[in-house]
Amino acid sequence: MKKGFFKGVKTEFSKILWPKKEDVAKETVAVISVSAAVGAIIFVADAAFKFIIYVIS
């Protein structure tokens, strides 16, 4: 039973299309860039709301 399971796992692993290193690097840069941009937007919005609340009170 174990041999059949591992044979199936090996078969499924052979079907996987692994991305190229260049693709992984580009996607990593994209994710980091978008994360930084969203973080900056949230930071600016938070600072603006704090300022508005400070002015009101």
PDB file of N, CA and C in Angstrom:
ATOM      1  N   MET A   1       0.818  -1.187   0.000  1.00  0.00           N
ATOM      2  CA  MET A   1       0.000   0.000   0.000  1.00  0.00           C
ATOM      3  C   MET A   1       0.865   1.256   0.000  1.00  0.00           C
ATOM      4  N   LYS A   2       1.927   1.279   0.794  1.00  0.00           N
ATOM      5  CA  LYS A   2       2.794   2.446   0.841  1.00  0.00           C
ATOM      6  C   LYS A   2       3.498   2.660  -0.495  1.00  0.00           C
ATOM      7  N   LYS A   3       3.891   1.581  -1.138  1.00  0.00           N
ATOM      8  CA  LYS A   3       4.580   1.716  -2.426  1.00  0.00           C
ATOM      9  C   LYS A   3       3.669   2.350  -3.467  1.00  0.00           C
ATOM     10  N   GLY A   4       2.417   1.965  -3.458  1.00  0.00           N
ATOM     11  CA  GLY A   4       1.459   2.527  -4.403  1.00  0.00           C
ATOM     12  C   GLY A   4       1.239   4.015  -4.150  1.00  0.00           C
ATOM     13  N   PHE A   5       1.178   4.394  -2.873  1.00  0.00           N
ATOM     14  CA  PHE A   5       0.991   5.804  -2.519  1.00  0.00           C
ATOM     15  C   PHE A   5       2.172   6.633  -3.007  1.00  0.00           C
ATOM     16  N   PHE A   6       3.381   6.198  -2.691  1.00  0.00           N
ATOM     17  CA  PHE A   6       4.561   6.963  -3.076  1.00  0.00           C
ATOM     18  C   PHE A   6       4.769   6.968  -4.587  1.00  0.00           C
ATOM     19  N   LYS A   7       4.360   5.915  -5.255  1.00  0.00           N
ATOM     20  CA  LYS A   7       4.428   5.889  -6.709  1.00  0.00           C
ATOM     21  C   LYS A   7       3.476   6.944  -7.279  1.00  0.00           C
ATOM     22  N   GLY A   8       2.283   7.053  -6.685  1.00  0.00           N
ATOM     23  CA  GLY A   8       1.325   8.067  -7.110  1.00  0.00           C
ATOM     24  C   GLY A   8       1.842   9.476  -6.861  1.00  0.00           C
ATOM     25  N   VAL A   9       2.479   9.680  -5.714  1.00  0.00           N
ATOM     26  CA  VAL A   9       3.058  10.992  -5.399  1.00  0.00           C
ATOM     27  C   VAL A   9       4.140  11.339  -6.413  1.00  0.00           C
ATOM     28  N   LYS A  10       4.987  10.372  -6.731  1.00  0.00           N
ATOM     29  CA  LYS A  10       6.061  10.606  -7.702  1.00  0.00           C
ATOM     30  C   LYS A  10       5.473  10.945  -9.072  1.00  0.00           C
ATOM     31  N   THR A  11       4.422  10.251  -9.451  1.00  0.00           N
ATOM     32  CA  THR A  11       3.769  10.514 -10.737  1.00  0.00           C
ATOM     33  C   THR A  11       3.197  11.931 -10.762  1.00  0.00           C
ATOM     34  N   GLU A  12       2.533  12.324  -9.691  1.00  0.00           N
ATOM     35  CA  GLU A  12       1.950  13.668  -9.639  1.00  0.00           C
ATOM     36  C   GLU A  12       3.041  14.741  -9.633  1.00  0.00           C
ATOM     37  N   PHE A  13       4.141  14.495  -8.936  1.00  0.00           N
ATOM     38  CA  PHE A  13       5.237  15.460  -8.915  1.00  0.00           C
ATOM     39  C   PHE A  13       5.837  15.643 -10.300  1.00  0.00           C
ATOM     40  N   SER A  14       5.826  14.601 -11.101  1.00  0.00           N
ATOM     41  CA  SER A  14       6.397  14.724 -12.446  1.00  0.00           C
ATOM     42  C   SER A  14       5.512  15.586 -13.346  1.00  0.00           C
ATOM     43  N   LYS A  15       4.241  15.785 -12.976  1.00  0.00           N
ATOM     44  CA  LYS A  15       3.319  16.601 -13.766  1.00  0.00           C
ATOM     45  C   LYS A  15       3.418  18.090 -13.448  1.00  0.00           C
ATOM     46  N   ILE A  16       4.096  18.426 -12.355  1.00  0.00           N
ATOM     47  CA  ILE A  16       4.179  19.826 -11.925  1.00  0.00           C
ATOM     48  C   ILE A  16       5.074  20.603 -12.881  1.00  0.00           C
ATOM     49  N   LEU A  17       4.601  21.768 -13.291  1.00  0.00           N
ATOM     50  CA  LEU A  17       5.411  22.667 -14.107  1.00  0.00           C
ATOM     51  C   LEU A  17       6.009  23.726 -13.194  1.00  0.00           C
ATOM     52  N   TRP A  18       7.273  23.562 -12.840  1.00  0.00           N
ATOM     53  CA  TRP A  18       7.930  24.484 -11.929  1.00  0.00           C
ATOM     54  C   TRP A  18       8.313  25.754 -12.676  1.00  0.00           C
ATOM     55  N   PRO A  19       8.132  26.926 -12.061  1.00  0.00           N
ATOM     56  CA  PRO A  19       8.487  28.178 -12.734  1.00  0.00           C
ATOM     57  C   PRO A  19      10.003  28.349 -12.821  1.00  0.00           C
ATOM     58  N   LYS A  20      10.414  29.174 -13.779  1.00  0.00           N
ATOM     59  CA  LYS A  20      11.843  29.459 -13.936  1.00  0.00           C
ATOM     60  C   LYS A  20      12.275  30.445 -12.859  1.00  0.00           C
ATOM     61  N   LYS A  21      13.572  30.461 -12.580  1.00  0.00           N
ATOM     62  CA  LYS A  21      14.096  31.359 -11.546  1.00  0.00           C
ATOM     63  C   LYS A  21      13.800  32.816 -11.881  1.00  0.00           C
ATOM     64  N   GLU A  22      13.868  33.157 -13.157  1.00  0.00           N
ATOM     65  CA  GLU A  22      13.615  34.539 -13.569  1.00  0.00           C
ATOM     66  C   GLU A  22      12.173  34.936 -13.264  1.00  0.00           C
ATOM     67  N   ASP A  23      11.236  34.027 -13.516  1.00  0.00           N
ATOM     68  CA  ASP A  23       9.828  34.298 -13.240  1.00  0.00           C
ATOM     69  C   ASP A  23       9.590  34.482 -11.739  1.00  0.00           C
ATOM     70  N   VAL A  24      10.207  33.625 -10.952  1.00  0.00           N
ATOM     71  CA  VAL A  24      10.055  33.717  -9.498  1.00  0.00           C
ATOM     72  C   VAL A  24      10.628  35.042  -8.998  1.00  0.00           C
ATOM     73  N   ALA A  25      11.773  35.439  -9.540  1.00  0.00           N
ATOM     74  CA  ALA A  25      12.391  36.701  -9.125  1.00  0.00           C
ATOM     75  C   ALA A  25      11.501  37.887  -9.490  1.00  0.00           C
ATOM     76  N   LYS A  26      10.941  37.897 -10.700  1.00  0.00           N
ATOM     77  CA  LYS A  26      10.066  38.996 -11.126  1.00  0.00           C
ATOM     78  C   LYS A  26       8.816  39.067 -10.261  1.00  0.00           C
ATOM     79  N   GLU A  27       8.222  37.925  -9.985  1.00  0.00           N
ATOM     80  CA  GLU A  27       7.011  37.907  -9.172  1.00  0.00           C
ATOM     81  C   GLU A  27       7.302  38.325  -7.734  1.00  0.00           C
ATOM     82  N   THR A  28       8.468  37.952  -7.222  1.00  0.00           N
ATOM     83  CA  THR A  28       8.858  38.354  -5.875  1.00  0.00           C
ATOM     84  C   THR A  28       9.011  39.864  -5.796  1.00  0.00           C
ATOM     85  N   VAL A  29       9.660  40.448  -6.787  1.00  0.00           N
ATOM     86  CA  VAL A  29       9.823  41.909  -6.824  1.00  0.00           C
ATOM     87  C   VAL A  29       8.460  42.583  -6.915  1.00  0.00           C
ATOM     88  N   ALA A  30       7.567  42.031  -7.706  1.00  0.00           N
ATOM     89  CA  ALA A  30       6.226  42.605  -7.841  1.00  0.00           C
ATOM     90  C   ALA A  30       5.473  42.554  -6.517  1.00  0.00           C
ATOM     91  N   VAL A  31       5.536  41.439  -5.826  1.00  0.00           N
ATOM     92  CA  VAL A  31       4.835  41.301  -4.547  1.00  0.00           C
ATOM     93  C   VAL A  31       5.396  42.274  -3.517  1.00  0.00           C
ATOM     94  N   ILE A  32       6.713  42.380  -3.448  1.00  0.00           N
ATOM     95  CA  ILE A  32       7.334  43.296  -2.486  1.00  0.00           C
ATOM     96  C   ILE A  32       6.978  44.739  -2.825  1.00  0.00           C
ATOM     97  N   SER A  33       6.991  45.092  -4.103  1.00  0.00           N
ATOM     98  CA  SER A  33       6.666  46.460  -4.525  1.00  0.00           C
ATOM     99  C   SER A  33       5.223  46.815  -4.189  1.00  0.00           C
ATOM    100  N   VAL A  34       4.300  45.935  -4.510  1.00  0.00           N
ATOM    101  CA  VAL A  34       2.887  46.202  -4.228  1.00  0.00           C
ATOM    102  C   VAL A  34       2.665  46.269  -2.719  1.00  0.00           C
ATOM    103  N   SER A  35       3.304  45.401  -1.962  1.00  0.00           N
ATOM    104  CA  SER A  35       3.167  45.428  -0.505  1.00  0.00           C
ATOM    105  C   SER A  35       3.677  46.742   0.073  1.00  0.00           C
ATOM    106  N   ALA A  36       4.811  47.212  -0.434  1.00  0.00           N
ATOM    107  CA  ALA A  36       5.358  48.483   0.033  1.00  0.00           C
ATOM    108  C   ALA A  36       4.437  49.645  -0.335  1.00  0.00           C
ATOM    109  N   ALA A  37       3.883  49.618  -1.539  1.00  0.00           N
ATOM    110  CA  ALA A  37       2.981  50.687  -1.969  1.00  0.00           C
ATOM    111  C   ALA A  37       1.714  50.704  -1.113  1.00  0.00           C
ATOM    112  N   VAL A  38       1.124  49.554  -0.866  1.00  0.00           N
ATOM    113  CA  VAL A  38      -0.077  49.490  -0.028  1.00  0.00           C
ATOM    114  C   VAL A  38       0.247  49.930   1.397  1.00  0.00           C
ATOM    115  N   GLY A  39       1.401  49.519   1.903  1.00  0.00           N
ATOM    116  CA  GLY A  39       1.820  49.957   3.236  1.00  0.00           C
ATOM    117  C   GLY A  39       1.968  51.463   3.311  1.00  0.00           C
ATOM    118  N   ALA A  40       2.535  52.068   2.268  1.00  0.00           N
ATOM    119  CA  ALA A  40       2.695  53.522   2.238  1.00  0.00           C
ATOM    120  C   ALA A  40       1.342  54.221   2.194  1.00  0.00           C
ATOM    121  N   ILE A  41       0.421  53.689   1.411  1.00  0.00           N
ATOM    122  CA  ILE A  41      -0.920  54.276   1.328  1.00  0.00           C
ATOM    123  C   ILE A  41      -1.616  54.199   2.684  1.00  0.00           C
ATOM    124  N   ILE A  42      -1.528  53.071   3.344  1.00  0.00           N
ATOM    125  CA  ILE A  42      -2.142  52.918   4.661  1.00  0.00           C
ATOM    126  C   ILE A  42      -1.490  53.863   5.669  1.00  0.00           C
ATOM    127  N   PHE A  43      -0.177  54.020   5.607  1.00  0.00           N
ATOM    128  CA  PHE A  43       0.536  54.927   6.506  1.00  0.00           C
ATOM    129  C   PHE A  43       0.065  56.363   6.321  1.00  0.00           C
ATOM    130  N   VAL A  44      -0.053  56.793   5.071  1.00  0.00           N
ATOM    131  CA  VAL A  44      -0.488  58.163   4.780  1.00  0.00           C
ATOM    132  C   VAL A  44      -1.930  58.365   5.233  1.00  0.00           C
ATOM    133  N   ALA A  45      -2.789  57.398   4.964  1.00  0.00           N
ATOM    134  CA  ALA A  45      -4.186  57.506   5.389  1.00  0.00           C
ATOM    135  C   ALA A  45      -4.282  57.568   6.909  1.00  0.00           C
ATOM    136  N   ASP A  46      -3.522  56.758   7.597  1.00  0.00           N
ATOM    137  CA  ASP A  46      -3.524  56.757   9.057  1.00  0.00           C
ATOM    138  C   ASP A  46      -3.043  58.099   9.596  1.00  0.00           C
ATOM    139  N   ALA A  47      -1.986  58.634   9.028  1.00  0.00           N
ATOM    140  CA  ALA A  47      -1.474  59.929   9.471  1.00  0.00           C
ATOM    141  C   ALA A  47      -2.496  61.035   9.221  1.00  0.00           C
ATOM    142  N   ALA A  48      -3.167  60.983   8.093  1.00  0.00           N
ATOM    143  CA  ALA A  48      -4.186  61.986   7.779  1.00  0.00           C
ATOM    144  C   ALA A  48      -5.346  61.908   8.765  1.00  0.00           C
ATOM    145  N   PHE A  49      -5.824  60.714   9.071  1.00  0.00           N
ATOM    146  CA  PHE A  49      -6.920  60.560  10.025  1.00  0.00           C
ATOM    147  C   PHE A  49      -6.509  61.030  11.419  1.00  0.00           C
ATOM    148  N   LYS A  50      -5.283  60.712  11.824  1.00  0.00           N
ATOM    149  CA  LYS A  50      -4.801  61.190  13.123  1.00  0.00           C
ATOM    150  C   LYS A  50      -4.779  62.715  13.158  1.00  0.00           C
ATOM    151  N   PHE A  51      -4.316  63.332  12.079  1.00  0.00           N
ATOM    152  CA  PHE A  51      -4.267  64.793  12.013  1.00  0.00           C
ATOM    153  C   PHE A  51      -5.672  65.386  12.074  1.00  0.00           C
ATOM    154  N   ILE A  52      -6.605  64.799  11.335  1.00  0.00           N
ATOM    155  CA  ILE A  52      -7.995  65.297  11.334  1.00  0.00           C
ATOM    156  C   ILE A  52      -8.603  65.174  12.726  1.00  0.00           C
ATOM    157  N   ILE A  53      -8.385  64.055  13.375  1.00  0.00           N
ATOM    158  CA  ILE A  53      -8.917  63.862  14.727  1.00  0.00           C
ATOM    159  C   ILE A  53      -8.268  64.839  15.700  1.00  0.00           C
ATOM    160  N   TYR A  54      -6.977  65.099  15.547  1.00  0.00           N
ATOM    161  CA  TYR A  54      -6.284  66.060  16.403  1.00  0.00           C
ATOM    162  C   TYR A  54      -6.847  67.459  16.218  1.00  0.00           C
ATOM    163  N   VAL A  55      -7.116  67.849  14.974  1.00  0.00           N
ATOM    164  CA  VAL A  55      -7.650  69.187  14.685  1.00  0.00           C
ATOM    165  C   VAL A  55      -9.059  69.322  15.232  1.00  0.00           C
ATOM    166  N   ILE A  56      -9.886  68.283  15.118  1.00  0.00           N
ATOM    167  CA  ILE A  56     -11.256  68.329  15.584  1.00  0.00           C
ATOM    168  C   ILE A  56     -11.326  68.441  17.097  1.00  0.00           C
ATOM    169  N   SER A  57     -10.476  67.701  17.804  1.00  0.00           N
ATOM    170  CA  SER A  57     -10.564  67.672  19.261  1.00  0.00           C
ATOM    171  C   SER A  57      -9.708  68.686  19.935  1.00  0.00           C
TER     172      SER A  57
END
